[in-house]
Amino acid sequence: MTILLEVCVDSAESLAAAIEGGAGRIELCSALELGGLTPLPSLMRIAARAPIPVYAMIRPHAGPFIFDGVDAEAMMLDIEAVRAAGLAGVVIGANRPDGTLDMALIHRLKAHAAGLGSTLHRAFDLVPDADQALEQAIELGCERILTSGCALKAADGLDTLKRLSAKAAGRISIMPGSGVRPANVGEILRATGAREVHGSCSAPVGSRDRRAVAFGFEGKNTNKTDIEVVREMRRAIEAVG
């Protein structure tokens, strides 16, 4: 069975690089430096032309995955934008103040996204009980959980990722993500038995305009999806698969 590589991108340029490099699915975002926010409708429409499935992040603002009523309304409208653009799915999640999954809100989001694919994002990594949250994700009907194994990086959460994959027993896919690079993806896949993996496949790009940096319009250094890193990741994955 082929192992699928999902690449997260936040621009049309990175989208093209991920596809050319060999990604099997796209997680479409804005502001990856903040962990990924909802992409603009214009980027969604561009991404809808992609020859591979594209899932859009549904996250209205940075910070904890704790959302109020206004946030929930915005997320519902963003899901409608995803459907209108013709994308394949959504990436959703929410926590309660105690860290547990906000099941009421995620159920609403999932119902509003009926007919679209769904990934439960790294709100999962903040829960106090990963095994309970796994069963809740299955109850929600999500296709997969994007998770680092409740660690900062997937390479540090291998034991949890392996346990979750075993407990999932094919009922839901466990997709390792966070800090996944060509140098460690083989170890992560062999340790967990995962059949899909998530990464940015990015490389740092220096600022091209000092004035823009001085005025605060551009960061000093940014990361962008790199075709060669995507290709390296694919080769490393194929060596395992």
C-alpha atoms as a PDB file:
ATOM      1  CA  MET A   1       0.000   0.000   0.000  1.00  0.00           C
ATOM      2  CA  THR A   2       1.331   3.432  -0.936  1.00  0.00           C
ATOM      3  CA  ILE A   3       2.066   5.852   1.894  1.00  0.00           C
ATOM      4  CA  LEU A   4       0.467   9.225   1.218  1.00  0.00           C
ATOM      5  CA  LEU A   5       2.335  12.489   1.752  1.00  0.00           C
ATOM      6  CA  GLU A   6       0.193  15.475   2.750  1.00  0.00           C
ATOM      7  CA  VAL A   7       1.901  18.862   2.444  1.00  0.00           C
ATOM      8  CA  CYS A   8       0.613  21.991   4.178  1.00  0.00           C
ATOM      9  CA  VAL A   9       0.894  25.204   2.144  1.00  0.00           C
ATOM     10  CA  ASP A  10      -0.211  28.806   2.532  1.00  0.00           C
ATOM     11  CA  SER A  11       0.339  30.304  -0.920  1.00  0.00           C
ATOM     12  CA  ALA A  12      -0.244  29.545  -4.591  1.00  0.00           C
ATOM     13  CA  GLU A  13       3.536  29.326  -5.075  1.00  0.00           C
ATOM     14  CA  SER A  14       3.903  26.698  -2.340  1.00  0.00           C
ATOM     15  CA  LEU A  15       0.857  24.844  -3.662  1.00  0.00           C
ATOM     16  CA  ALA A  16       2.495  24.490  -7.078  1.00  0.00           C
ATOM     17  CA  ALA A  17       5.781  23.364  -5.500  1.00  0.00           C
ATOM     18  CA  ALA A  18       4.053  20.702  -3.398  1.00  0.00           C
ATOM     19  CA  ILE A  19       2.198  19.279  -6.390  1.00  0.00           C
ATOM     20  CA  GLU A  20       5.269  19.276  -8.643  1.00  0.00           C
ATOM     21  CA  GLY A  21       7.336  17.659  -5.894  1.00  0.00           C
ATOM     22  CA  GLY A  22       4.940  14.741  -5.526  1.00  0.00           C
ATOM     23  CA  ALA A  23       2.492  15.489  -2.712  1.00  0.00           C
ATOM     24  CA  GLY A  24      -0.548  13.236  -2.581  1.00  0.00           C
ATOM     25  CA  ARG A  25      -2.814  15.669  -0.757  1.00  0.00           C
ATOM     26  CA  ILE A  26      -2.707  19.334   0.268  1.00  0.00           C
ATOM     27  CA  GLU A  27      -3.660  20.983   3.537  1.00  0.00           C
ATOM     28  CA  LEU A  28      -4.457  24.548   2.471  1.00  0.00           C
ATOM     29  CA  CYS A  29      -3.915  27.316   5.028  1.00  0.00           C
ATOM     30  CA  SER A  30      -2.944  30.897   5.535  1.00  0.00           C
ATOM     31  CA  ALA A  31      -0.299  31.986   8.055  1.00  0.00           C
ATOM     32  CA  LEU A  32       1.541  28.724   8.586  1.00  0.00           C
ATOM     33  CA  GLU A  33       3.874  30.593  10.929  1.00  0.00           C
ATOM     34  CA  LEU A  34       0.874  30.685  13.319  1.00  0.00           C
ATOM     35  CA  GLY A  35       0.117  27.009  12.877  1.00  0.00           C
ATOM     36  CA  GLY A  36      -2.270  27.589   9.984  1.00  0.00           C
ATOM     37  CA  LEU A  37      -5.433  29.671   9.660  1.00  0.00           C
ATOM     38  CA  THR A  38      -8.352  29.543   7.212  1.00  0.00           C
ATOM     39  CA  PRO A  39      -7.136  30.330   3.676  1.00  0.00           C
ATOM     40  CA  LEU A  40      -8.595  33.151   1.629  1.00  0.00           C
ATOM     41  CA  PRO A  41     -11.440  32.232  -0.765  1.00  0.00           C
ATOM     42  CA  SER A  42      -9.228  33.321  -3.678  1.00  0.00           C
ATOM     43  CA  LEU A  43      -6.562  30.766  -2.702  1.00  0.00           C
ATOM     44  CA  MET A  44      -9.265  28.128  -2.279  1.00  0.00           C
ATOM     45  CA  ARG A  45     -10.427  28.720  -5.858  1.00  0.00           C
ATOM     46  CA  ILE A  46      -6.881  28.459  -7.194  1.00  0.00           C
ATOM     47  CA  ALA A  47      -6.323  25.270  -5.193  1.00  0.00           C
ATOM     48  CA  ALA A  48      -9.524  23.747  -6.573  1.00  0.00           C
ATOM     49  CA  ARG A  49      -7.686  23.354  -9.904  1.00  0.00           C
ATOM     50  CA  ALA A  50      -5.147  21.009  -8.278  1.00  0.00           C
ATOM     51  CA  PRO A  51      -4.963  17.419  -9.600  1.00  0.00           C
ATOM     52  CA  ILE A  52      -4.844  16.058  -6.034  1.00  0.00           C
ATOM     53  CA  PRO A  53      -7.282  16.433  -3.094  1.00  0.00           C
ATOM     54  CA  VAL A  54      -7.127  19.708  -1.162  1.00  0.00           C
ATOM     55  CA  TYR A  55      -8.395  20.083   2.406  1.00  0.00           C
ATOM     56  CA  ALA A  56      -8.794  23.594   3.817  1.00  0.00           C
ATOM     57  CA  MET A  57      -7.946  24.509   7.398  1.00  0.00           C
ATOM     58  CA  ILE A  58     -10.942  25.935   9.283  1.00  0.00           C
ATOM     59  CA  ARG A  59      -9.465  28.111  12.030  1.00  0.00           C
ATOM     60  CA  PRO A  60     -10.545  31.753  12.292  1.00  0.00           C
ATOM     61  CA  HIS A  61      -7.704  33.099  14.428  1.00  0.00           C
ATOM     62  CA  ALA A  62      -4.431  32.290  16.127  1.00  0.00           C
ATOM     63  CA  GLY A  63      -4.172  31.155  19.718  1.00  0.00           C
ATOM     64  CA  PRO A  64      -5.843  28.277  21.575  1.00  0.00           C
ATOM     65  CA  PHE A  65      -8.411  26.198  19.721  1.00  0.00           C
ATOM     66  CA  ILE A  66     -11.147  27.563  21.993  1.00  0.00           C
ATOM     67  CA  PHE A  67     -13.901  29.217  19.999  1.00  0.00           C
ATOM     68  CA  ASP A  68     -16.942  31.303  20.949  1.00  0.00           C
ATOM     69  CA  GLY A  69     -20.228  31.792  19.142  1.00  0.00           C
ATOM     70  CA  VAL A  70     -18.876  34.406  16.729  1.00  0.00           C
ATOM     71  CA  ASP A  71     -15.964  32.133  15.876  1.00  0.00           C
ATOM     72  CA  ALA A  72     -18.365  29.266  15.261  1.00  0.00           C
ATOM     73  CA  GLU A  73     -20.384  31.385  12.834  1.00  0.00           C
ATOM     74  CA  ALA A  74     -17.209  32.344  10.980  1.00  0.00           C
ATOM     75  CA  MET A  75     -16.184  28.688  10.752  1.00  0.00           C
ATOM     76  CA  MET A  76     -19.562  27.709   9.335  1.00  0.00           C
ATOM     77  CA  LEU A  77     -19.231  30.392   6.662  1.00  0.00           C
ATOM     78  CA  ASP A  78     -15.691  29.246   5.897  1.00  0.00           C
ATOM     79  CA  ILE A  79     -16.940  25.693   5.383  1.00  0.00           C
ATOM     80  CA  GLU A  80     -19.485  27.054   2.930  1.00  0.00           C
ATOM     81  CA  ALA A  81     -16.632  28.799   1.090  1.00  0.00           C
ATOM     82  CA  VAL A  82     -14.739  25.494   0.904  1.00  0.00           C
ATOM     83  CA  ARG A  83     -17.762  23.794  -0.609  1.00  0.00           C
ATOM     84  CA  ALA A  84     -18.358  26.647  -3.058  1.00  0.00           C
ATOM     85  CA  ALA A  85     -14.741  26.517  -4.197  1.00  0.00           C
ATOM     86  CA  GLY A  86     -15.019  22.796  -4.872  1.00  0.00           C
ATOM     87  CA  LEU A  87     -12.318  21.558  -2.493  1.00  0.00           C
ATOM     88  CA  ALA A  88     -12.273  17.985  -1.222  1.00  0.00           C
ATOM     89  CA  GLY A  89     -12.469  18.528   2.508  1.00  0.00           C
ATOM     90  CA  VAL A  90     -11.902  20.495   5.690  1.00  0.00           C
ATOM     91  CA  VAL A  91      -9.500  20.355   8.619  1.00  0.00           C
ATOM     92  CA  ILE A  92     -11.386  21.034  11.841  1.00  0.00           C
ATOM     93  CA  GLY A  93     -11.040  20.856  15.605  1.00  0.00           C
ATOM     94  CA  ALA A  94     -11.781  22.682  18.852  1.00  0.00           C
ATOM     95  CA  ASN A  95     -10.991  22.354  22.541  1.00  0.00           C
ATOM     96  CA  ARG A  96     -12.860  23.165  25.711  1.00  0.00           C
ATOM     97  CA  PRO A  97     -11.016  25.237  28.363  1.00  0.00           C
ATOM     98  CA  ASP A  98     -10.010  21.991  30.128  1.00  0.00           C
ATOM     99  CA  GLY A  99      -8.298  20.763  26.957  1.00  0.00           C
ATOM    100  CA  THR A 100     -10.854  18.107  26.052  1.00  0.00           C
ATOM    101  CA  LEU A 101     -12.333  18.128  22.576  1.00  0.00           C
ATOM    102  CA  ASP A 102     -15.287  20.494  22.187  1.00  0.00           C
ATOM    103  CA  MET A 103     -17.507  17.744  20.865  1.00  0.00           C
ATOM    104  CA  ALA A 104     -20.627  19.910  20.554  1.00  0.00           C
ATOM    105  CA  LEU A 105     -18.881  22.408  18.281  1.00  0.00           C
ATOM    106  CA  ILE A 106     -16.972  19.809  16.269  1.00  0.00           C
ATOM    107  CA  HIS A 107     -20.227  17.893  15.703  1.00  0.00           C
ATOM    108  CA  ARG A 108     -21.764  21.119  14.331  1.00  0.00           C
ATOM    109  CA  LEU A 109     -18.782  21.729  12.059  1.00  0.00           C
ATOM    110  CA  LYS A 110     -18.790  18.137  10.853  1.00  0.00           C
ATOM    111  CA  ALA A 111     -22.513  18.245  10.118  1.00  0.00           C
ATOM    112  CA  HIS A 112     -22.128  21.541   8.235  1.00  0.00           C
ATOM    113  CA  ALA A 113     -19.369  19.928   6.174  1.00  0.00           C
ATOM    114  CA  ALA A 114     -21.542  16.956   5.163  1.00  0.00           C
ATOM    115  CA  GLY A 115     -20.308  15.561   1.870  1.00  0.00           C
ATOM    116  CA  LEU A 116     -16.767  16.874   2.405  1.00  0.00           C
ATOM    117  CA  GLY A 117     -13.838  14.906   3.755  1.00  0.00           C
ATOM    118  CA  SER A 118     -12.627  15.798   7.238  1.00  0.00           C
ATOM    119  CA  THR A 119      -9.400  15.747   9.230  1.00  0.00           C
ATOM    120  CA  LEU A 120      -9.310  16.375  12.983  1.00  0.00           C
ATOM    121  CA  HIS A 121      -6.383  18.745  13.499  1.00  0.00           C
ATOM    122  CA  ARG A 122      -3.874  19.144  16.313  1.00  0.00           C
ATOM    123  CA  ALA A 123      -6.440  20.315  18.837  1.00  0.00           C
ATOM    124  CA  PHE A 124      -6.153  16.577  19.497  1.00  0.00           C
ATOM    125  CA  ASP A 125      -2.612  17.073  20.815  1.00  0.00           C
ATOM    126  CA  LEU A 126      -3.838  19.289  23.667  1.00  0.00           C
ATOM    127  CA  VAL A 127      -6.268  16.773  25.169  1.00  0.00           C
ATOM    128  CA  PRO A 128      -5.623  15.321  28.652  1.00  0.00           C
ATOM    129  CA  ASP A 129      -6.551  11.775  27.554  1.00  0.00           C
ATOM    130  CA  ALA A 130      -5.504  10.816  24.018  1.00  0.00           C
ATOM    131  CA  ASP A 131      -7.167   7.396  24.142  1.00  0.00           C
ATOM    132  CA  GLN A 132     -10.542   8.917  25.026  1.00  0.00           C
ATOM    133  CA  ALA A 133     -10.097  11.572  22.330  1.00  0.00           C
ATOM    134  CA  LEU A 134      -9.338   8.839  19.787  1.00  0.00           C
ATOM    135  CA  GLU A 135     -12.718   7.233  20.451  1.00  0.00           C
ATOM    136  CA  GLN A 136     -14.385  10.649  20.211  1.00  0.00           C
ATOM    137  CA  ALA A 137     -12.734  11.308  16.839  1.00  0.00           C
ATOM    138  CA  ILE A 138     -14.050   7.980  15.592  1.00  0.00           C
ATOM    139  CA  GLU A 139     -17.513   8.903  16.889  1.00  0.00           C
ATOM    140  CA  LEU A 140     -17.309  12.176  14.975  1.00  0.00           C
ATOM    141  CA  GLY A 141     -16.705  10.281  11.752  1.00  0.00           C
ATOM    142  CA  CYS A 142     -13.478  12.053  10.822  1.00  0.00           C
ATOM    143  CA  GLU A 143     -11.280  10.311   8.281  1.00  0.00           C
ATOM    144  CA  ARG A 144      -8.032  10.933  10.117  1.00  0.00           C
ATOM    145  CA  ILE A 145      -6.333  12.606  13.064  1.00  0.00           C
ATOM    146  CA  LEU A 146      -3.363  14.867  12.415  1.00  0.00           C
ATOM    147  CA  THR A 147      -1.236  14.427  15.524  1.00  0.00           C
ATOM    148  CA  SER A 148       2.277  14.625  16.886  1.00  0.00           C
ATOM    149  CA  GLY A 149       1.405  12.040  19.522  1.00  0.00           C
ATOM    150  CA  CYS A 150       0.665  14.855  21.992  1.00  0.00           C
ATOM    151  CA  ALA A 151       4.334  15.920  21.899  1.00  0.00           C
ATOM    152  CA  LEU A 152       5.871  19.048  20.428  1.00  0.00           C
ATOM    153  CA  LYS A 153       7.246  17.033  17.501  1.00  0.00           C
ATOM    154  CA  ALA A 154       6.109  13.722  16.056  1.00  0.00           C
ATOM    155  CA  ALA A 155       9.569  12.214  16.570  1.00  0.00           C
ATOM    156  CA  ASP A 156       9.082  12.780  20.323  1.00  0.00           C
ATOM    157  CA  GLY A 157       5.627  11.198  20.389  1.00  0.00           C
ATOM    158  CA  LEU A 158       6.380   7.871  18.727  1.00  0.00           C
ATOM    159  CA  ASP A 159       5.151   5.693  21.597  1.00  0.00           C
ATOM    160  CA  THR A 160       1.796   7.482  21.695  1.00  0.00           C
ATOM    161  CA  LEU A 161       1.488   7.471  17.900  1.00  0.00           C
ATOM    162  CA  LYS A 162       2.171   3.737  17.831  1.00  0.00           C
ATOM    163  CA  ARG A 163      -0.375   3.077  20.578  1.00  0.00           C
ATOM    164  CA  LEU A 164      -3.036   5.220  18.889  1.00  0.00           C
ATOM    165  CA  SER A 165      -2.469   3.509  15.548  1.00  0.00           C
ATOM    166  CA  ALA A 166      -2.894   0.106  17.182  1.00  0.00           C
ATOM    167  CA  LYS A 167      -6.034   1.176  19.061  1.00  0.00           C
ATOM    168  CA  ALA A 168      -7.508   2.781  15.940  1.00  0.00           C
ATOM    169  CA  ALA A 169      -7.329  -0.639  14.265  1.00  0.00           C
ATOM    170  CA  GLY A 170      -8.341   0.756  10.891  1.00  0.00           C
ATOM    171  CA  ARG A 171     -11.339   2.687  12.223  1.00  0.00           C
ATOM    172  CA  ILE A 172      -9.591   6.019  11.603  1.00  0.00           C
ATOM    173  CA  SER A 173      -6.212   6.962  10.167  1.00  0.00           C
ATOM    174  CA  ILE A 174      -3.487   8.309  12.455  1.00  0.00           C
ATOM    175  CA  MET A 175      -1.403  10.819  10.433  1.00  0.00           C
ATOM    176  CA  PRO A 176       1.850  11.891  12.117  1.00  0.00           C
ATOM    177  CA  GLY A 177       2.739  15.558  11.722  1.00  0.00           C
ATOM    178  CA  SER A 178       4.959  18.283  13.223  1.00  0.00           C
ATOM    179  CA  GLY A 179       8.657  18.348  12.539  1.00  0.00           C
ATOM    180  CA  VAL A 180       8.451  15.569   9.949  1.00  0.00           C
ATOM    181  CA  ARG A 181      11.390  15.875   7.545  1.00  0.00           C
ATOM    182  CA  PRO A 182      13.150  13.620   5.020  1.00  0.00           C
ATOM    183  CA  ALA A 183      15.745  12.717   7.661  1.00  0.00           C
ATOM    184  CA  ASN A 184      13.222  11.324  10.180  1.00  0.00           C
ATOM    185  CA  VAL A 185      10.123  10.346   8.205  1.00  0.00           C
ATOM    186  CA  GLY A 186      11.370   6.783   7.738  1.00  0.00           C
ATOM    187  CA  GLU A 187      11.835   6.271  11.464  1.00  0.00           C
ATOM    188  CA  ILE A 188       8.399   7.780  12.180  1.00  0.00           C
ATOM    189  CA  LEU A 189       6.649   5.579   9.637  1.00  0.00           C
ATOM    190  CA  ARG A 190       8.415   2.381  10.700  1.00  0.00           C
ATOM    191  CA  ALA A 191       7.704   3.044  14.391  1.00  0.00           C
ATOM    192  CA  THR A 192       4.023   3.889  13.945  1.00  0.00           C
ATOM    193  CA  GLY A 193       2.891   1.900  10.932  1.00  0.00           C
ATOM    194  CA  ALA A 194       1.179   5.032   9.607  1.00  0.00           C
ATOM    195  CA  ARG A 195       0.005   5.006   5.992  1.00  0.00           C
ATOM    196  CA  GLU A 196      -0.064   8.779   5.598  1.00  0.00           C
ATOM    197  CA  VAL A 197       2.175  11.533   6.923  1.00  0.00           C
ATOM    198  CA  HIS A 198       2.040  15.336   7.077  1.00  0.00           C
ATOM    199  CA  GLY A 199       4.785  17.910   6.608  1.00  0.00           C
ATOM    200  CA  SER A 200       5.508  21.411   5.365  1.00  0.00           C
ATOM    201  CA  CYS A 201       8.495  20.319   3.226  1.00  0.00           C
ATOM    202  CA  SER A 202       9.702  23.890   3.522  1.00  0.00           C
ATOM    203  CA  ALA A 203      13.010  25.691   3.366  1.00  0.00           C
ATOM    204  CA  PRO A 204      13.876  29.179   4.651  1.00  0.00           C
ATOM    205  CA  VAL A 205      13.715  32.050   2.209  1.00  0.00           C
ATOM    206  CA  GLY A 206      15.383  35.341   3.044  1.00  0.00           C
ATOM    207  CA  SER A 207      13.588  38.642   2.674  1.00  0.00           C
ATOM    208  CA  ARG A 208      13.712  40.142  -0.793  1.00  0.00           C
ATOM    209  CA  ASP A 209      12.969  43.716   0.258  1.00  0.00           C
ATOM    210  CA  ARG A 210      14.714  45.407   3.187  1.00  0.00           C
ATOM    211  CA  ARG A 211      12.260  48.322   3.151  1.00  0.00           C
ATOM    212  CA  ALA A 212       9.328  45.940   3.481  1.00  0.00           C
ATOM    213  CA  VAL A 213      11.024  44.363   6.499  1.00  0.00           C
ATOM    214  CA  ALA A 214      11.792  47.773   8.029  1.00  0.00           C
ATOM    215  CA  PHE A 215       8.150  48.835   7.725  1.00  0.00           C
ATOM    216  CA  GLY A 216       6.943  45.519   9.139  1.00  0.00           C
ATOM    217  CA  PHE A 217       5.280  44.370   5.921  1.00  0.00           C
ATOM    218  CA  GLU A 218       7.487  41.296   5.587  1.00  0.00           C
ATOM    219  CA  GLY A 219       9.272  39.018   8.039  1.00  0.00           C
ATOM    220  CA  LYS A 220      13.059  38.880   8.009  1.00  0.00           C
ATOM    221  CA  ASN A 221      12.928  35.200   7.162  1.00  0.00           C
ATOM    222  CA  THR A 222      10.083  33.090   5.860  1.00  0.00           C
ATOM    223  CA  ASN A 223       9.641  29.438   4.953  1.00  0.00           C
ATOM    224  CA  LYS A 224       8.188  28.212   1.687  1.00  0.00           C
ATOM    225  CA  THR A 225       7.474  24.777   0.318  1.00  0.00           C
ATOM    226  CA  ASP A 226      10.546  23.584  -1.559  1.00  0.00           C
ATOM    227  CA  ILE A 227      10.144  21.233  -4.527  1.00  0.00           C
ATOM    228  CA  GLU A 228      13.394  19.445  -3.717  1.00  0.00           C
ATOM    229  CA  VAL A 229      12.411  18.877  -0.079  1.00  0.00           C
ATOM    230  CA  VAL A 230       9.079  17.413  -1.230  1.00  0.00           C
ATOM    231  CA  ARG A 231      10.956  15.115  -3.591  1.00  0.00           C
ATOM    232  CA  GLU A 232      13.378  14.089  -0.836  1.00  0.00           C
ATOM    233  CA  MET A 233      10.434  13.352   1.442  1.00  0.00           C
ATOM    234  CA  ARG A 234       8.787  11.220  -1.231  1.00  0.00           C
ATOM    235  CA  ARG A 235      11.991   9.238  -1.789  1.00  0.00           C
ATOM    236  CA  ALA A 236      12.366   8.641   1.949  1.00  0.00           C
ATOM    237  CA  ILE A 237       8.723   7.511   2.162  1.00  0.00           C
ATOM    238  CA  GLU A 238       9.058   5.189  -0.826  1.00  0.00           C
ATOM    239  CA  ALA A 239      12.094   3.572   0.823  1.00  0.00           C
ATOM    240  CA  VAL A 240       9.748   2.548   3.666  1.00  0.00           C
ATOM    241  CA  GLY A 241       6.606   1.824   1.686  1.00  0.00           C
END
